[in-house]
Amino acid sequence: MRTPHRRDISARQDLLGRELRQLFDDYTQEDMPDELQSLAQRLQAAFEGRDPESDPADGAAPPDAEAKAEPKKD
């Protein structure tokens, strides 16, 4: 068996790179299932030490967040 030329190796690497890129692009365009999204939010809340049930789904601050904030000093 002969040793492949650099040009052949480079062509194979380019093809593999294009295929992997297409696979990645297709994967990242898919919607995340609701169950997986919920799990990710719960894990993130647990990691940050928050209660996942009290966090709003849209990422806005909880209603009591303003009450906990310190008043501005003039």
Protein backbone atom coordinates (compact mmCIF):
# COMPACT_ATOMS: atom_id res chain seq x y z
CA MET A 1 0.00 0.00 0.00
CA ARG A 2 1.40 3.36 -0.93
CA THR A 3 1.64 6.32 1.42
CA PRO A 4 -1.05 8.96 0.72
CA HIS A 5 0.14 12.28 -0.65
CA ARG A 6 -0.28 15.47 1.35
CA ARG A 7 -2.82 16.68 -1.19
CA ASP A 8 -4.96 13.57 -0.63
CA ILE A 9 -4.77 13.94 3.14
CA SER A 10 -5.66 17.61 2.92
CA ALA A 11 -8.63 16.88 0.65
CA ARG A 12 -9.92 14.26 3.10
CA GLN A 13 -9.53 16.65 6.03
CA ASP A 14 -11.38 19.39 4.13
CA LEU A 15 -14.23 17.02 3.29
CA LEU A 16 -14.44 15.79 6.88
CA GLY A 17 -14.43 19.40 8.14
CA ARG A 18 -17.26 20.37 5.80
CA GLU A 19 -19.31 17.34 6.84
CA LEU A 20 -18.77 18.00 10.55
CA ARG A 21 -19.64 21.67 10.11
CA GLN A 22 -22.88 20.77 8.30
CA LEU A 23 -23.76 18.26 11.01
CA PHE A 24 -23.10 20.86 13.72
CA ASP A 25 -25.12 23.54 11.89
CA ASP A 26 -28.06 21.15 11.45
CA TYR A 27 -27.94 20.17 15.13
CA THR A 28 -27.80 23.72 16.45
CA GLN A 29 -30.83 24.73 14.39
CA GLU A 30 -33.06 22.12 16.05
CA ASP A 31 -35.50 23.18 18.75
CA MET A 32 -34.80 21.97 22.25
CA PRO A 33 -37.55 19.69 23.61
CA ASP A 34 -39.53 21.18 26.52
CA GLU A 35 -38.45 18.41 28.89
CA LEU A 36 -34.77 19.04 28.15
CA GLN A 37 -35.22 22.80 28.49
CA SER A 38 -36.91 22.31 31.86
CA LEU A 39 -34.14 20.00 33.03
CA ALA A 40 -31.47 22.49 31.95
CA GLN A 41 -33.21 25.29 33.84
CA ARG A 42 -33.51 23.16 37.00
CA LEU A 43 -29.86 22.15 36.82
CA GLN A 44 -28.77 25.76 36.32
CA ALA A 45 -30.90 26.88 39.26
CA ALA A 46 -29.45 24.13 41.45
CA PHE A 47 -25.94 25.07 40.41
CA GLU A 48 -26.58 28.72 41.29
CA GLY A 49 -28.34 27.80 44.56
CA ARG A 50 -31.72 29.17 43.45
CA ASP A 51 -35.18 27.65 43.75
CA PRO A 52 -36.11 26.61 40.19
CA GLU A 53 -39.84 26.82 40.93
CA SER A 54 -39.69 30.50 41.84
CA ASP A 55 -37.74 31.56 38.73
CA PRO A 56 -39.83 32.94 35.88
CA ALA A 57 -39.43 31.06 32.61
CA ASP A 58 -38.68 34.19 30.55
CA GLY A 59 -35.58 35.06 32.57
CA ALA A 60 -36.98 38.26 34.07
CA ALA A 61 -36.21 39.16 37.66
CA PRO A 62 -38.58 37.71 40.25
CA PRO A 63 -41.24 40.15 41.50
CA ASP A 64 -39.65 40.40 44.95
CA ALA A 65 -36.19 41.18 43.53
CA GLU A 66 -36.80 44.92 43.70
CA ALA A 67 -37.82 44.72 47.36
CA LYS A 68 -34.57 42.93 48.22
CA ALA A 69 -32.40 45.45 46.38
CA GLU A 70 -30.81 48.21 48.41
CA PRO A 71 -32.25 51.67 47.86
CA LYS A 72 -30.09 54.08 45.86
CA LYS A 73 -28.16 56.62 47.86
CA ASP A 74 -28.13 60.17 46.54
